[in-house]
Protein backbone atom coordinates (compact mmCIF):
# COMPACT_ATOMS: atom_id res chain seq x y z
CA MET A 1 -4.62 -1.52 65.65
CA LYS A 2 -1.36 -2.78 64.21
CA VAL A 3 -3.25 -4.26 61.28
CA ILE A 4 -4.97 -0.96 60.47
CA LYS A 5 -1.68 0.93 60.63
CA PHE A 6 -0.11 -1.65 58.33
CA ILE A 7 -2.96 -1.32 55.81
CA ASN A 8 -2.92 2.48 55.91
CA LYS A 9 0.82 2.60 55.37
CA SER A 10 1.42 3.93 51.84
CA ASP A 11 3.95 2.61 49.40
CA PRO A 12 4.79 5.24 46.74
CA GLY A 13 6.46 2.72 44.41
CA SER A 14 3.47 0.42 44.04
CA ALA A 15 1.42 2.88 41.95
CA ILE A 16 4.18 3.08 39.36
CA ALA A 17 4.59 -0.68 39.30
CA GLU A 18 0.84 -1.21 38.88
CA PHE A 19 0.72 1.37 36.10
CA VAL A 20 3.54 -0.31 34.20
CA ILE A 21 2.19 -3.83 34.74
CA PHE A 22 -1.35 -3.04 33.65
CA THR A 23 -0.84 -0.45 30.91
CA LEU A 24 2.27 -1.72 29.12
CA PRO A 25 0.47 -4.67 27.47
CA PHE A 26 -2.32 -2.39 26.25
CA PHE A 27 0.10 0.17 24.84
CA THR A 28 2.06 -2.60 23.13
CA ALA A 29 -1.07 -4.05 21.51
CA PHE A 30 -2.17 -0.55 20.46
CA LEU A 31 1.24 0.14 18.89
CA ILE A 32 1.14 -3.13 16.95
CA LEU A 33 -2.37 -2.35 15.70
CA ILE A 34 -1.45 1.17 14.58
CA THR A 35 1.66 -0.14 12.79
CA ALA A 36 -0.36 -2.79 10.95
CA ILE A 37 -2.93 -0.22 9.83
CA GLN A 38 -0.19 2.15 8.65
CA ASN A 39 1.54 -0.62 6.67
CA ARG A 40 -1.73 -1.60 4.99
CA SER A 41 -2.60 2.00 4.06
CA MET A 42 0.90 2.57 2.62
CA ALA A 43 0.57 -0.59 0.51
CA ILE A 44 -2.79 0.57 -0.84
CA SER A 45 -1.37 4.01 -1.62
CA GLU A 46 1.65 2.53 -3.41
CA SER A 47 -0.48 0.20 -5.53
CA LYS A 48 -2.82 3.03 -6.57
CA ASN A 49 0.15 5.19 -7.48
CA LEU A 50 1.71 2.34 -9.47
CA ALA A 51 -1.55 1.86 -11.41
CA ARG A 52 -1.73 5.61 -12.19
CA GLN A 53 1.89 5.76 -13.29
CA SER A 54 1.64 2.71 -15.55
CA VAL A 55 -1.53 3.88 -17.30
CA ARG A 56 0.00 7.33 -17.69
CA ALA A 57 3.11 5.79 -19.28
CA PHE A 58 0.82 3.93 -21.69
CA VAL A 59 -1.27 6.87 -22.86
CA SER A 60 1.69 9.27 -23.09
CA SER A 61 3.73 6.97 -25.35
CA PRO A 62 4.68 8.24 -28.78
CA ASN A 63 3.22 5.18 -30.55
CA GLU A 64 1.34 1.96 -29.85
CA GLU A 65 4.39 -0.28 -30.18
CA LEU A 66 6.09 1.40 -27.23
CA ALA A 67 2.96 1.89 -25.11
CA ARG A 68 2.69 -1.57 -23.52
CA MET A 69 6.45 -1.81 -23.09
CA ARG A 70 6.52 1.51 -21.21
CA ALA A 71 3.63 0.52 -18.94
CA TYR A 72 5.27 -2.78 -18.01
CA GLN A 73 8.61 -1.02 -17.60
CA VAL A 74 7.10 1.17 -14.86
CA VAL A 75 6.13 -1.98 -12.95
CA GLU A 76 9.56 -3.55 -13.49
CA ILE A 77 11.33 -0.43 -12.22
CA TYR A 78 9.12 -0.49 -9.11
CA LYS A 79 9.91 -4.18 -8.57
CA SER A 80 13.64 -3.53 -8.94
CA LYS A 81 13.48 -1.08 -6.02
CA GLN A 82 11.95 -3.70 -3.70
CA SER A 83 13.86 -6.18 -1.60
CA ARG A 84 13.92 -9.87 -2.52
CA THR A 85 11.59 -10.83 0.29
CA ALA A 86 9.09 -8.11 -0.62
CA ARG A 87 9.12 -9.30 -4.25
CA SER A 88 8.50 -12.89 -3.24
CA LEU A 89 5.79 -12.06 -0.69
CA ARG A 90 3.89 -9.55 -2.83
CA GLU A 91 3.72 -10.58 -6.47
CA ILE A 92 2.69 -7.66 -8.72
CA GLU A 93 0.66 -8.18 -11.89
CA LEU A 94 -0.37 -5.53 -14.43
CA ASP A 95 -3.37 -5.87 -16.72
CA LEU A 96 -4.13 -3.23 -19.36
CA THR A 97 -7.59 -3.06 -20.93
CA CYS A 98 -9.07 -0.70 -23.50
CA SER A 99 -12.66 0.32 -24.09
CA SER A 100 -12.24 -0.28 -27.84
CA TYR A 101 -9.53 -1.51 -30.19
CA PRO A 102 -7.05 -0.39 -31.36
CA CYS A 103 -6.05 0.80 -27.92
CA PHE A 104 -4.10 3.81 -29.09
CA LYS A 105 -7.07 5.42 -30.86
CA PRO A 106 -7.60 9.08 -29.81
CA GLY A 107 -10.17 9.43 -27.01
CA ASN A 108 -10.00 5.75 -26.07
CA LEU A 109 -10.25 4.89 -22.35
CA VAL A 110 -7.35 2.75 -21.09
CA THR A 111 -7.57 1.04 -17.70
CA ALA A 112 -4.63 -0.36 -15.74
CA THR A 113 -5.35 -2.94 -13.05
CA ILE A 114 -2.59 -3.70 -10.58
CA LYS A 115 -2.96 -6.85 -8.48
CA VAL A 116 -0.59 -7.06 -5.52
CA GLY A 117 -0.53 -10.40 -3.76
CA ASN A 118 -3.84 -12.20 -3.41
CA ASP A 119 -6.09 -9.55 -1.93
CA GLN A 120 -5.12 -6.08 -3.10
CA VAL A 121 -6.31 -4.56 -6.38
CA ALA A 122 -5.83 -1.01 -7.64
CA VAL A 123 -7.38 0.42 -10.80
CA ALA A 124 -6.60 3.62 -12.71
CA SER A 125 -7.97 4.90 -16.01
CA GLU A 126 -6.81 7.53 -18.50
CA TYR A 127 -7.90 8.69 -21.94
CA VAL A 128 -5.62 8.68 -24.94
CA ASP A 129 -5.09 12.23 -26.20
CA LEU A 130 -7.66 13.42 -28.71
CA TRP A 131 -4.97 15.21 -30.73
CA ARG A 132 -2.86 12.15 -31.63
């Protein structure tokens, strides 16, 4: 009888302890996963925006001599806002291609390809104004 009474005796603190012991590791892993996914999606969004901005700077230039300089300047301004460690970990490269040459011909399609690090690529395209 003493054994049954001992087993039936409730301990209100053990449920809280079991909850914390068993669920805290799962919540921690879930939080790390969500943070990693958010960081990756922000990096993709930033690289796409950088590609759009650089191609836009190219096609909106007043002349062809300034066009490439303005596109690369957009990338350099973005790099200047990053920390040193971010710059060293994520190297940014810009490649501008045109559907025909000269690039600044009215109606020509210009494509900017941004490569961030080893695995992330963003592409954006714009047309040069027809009324140039």
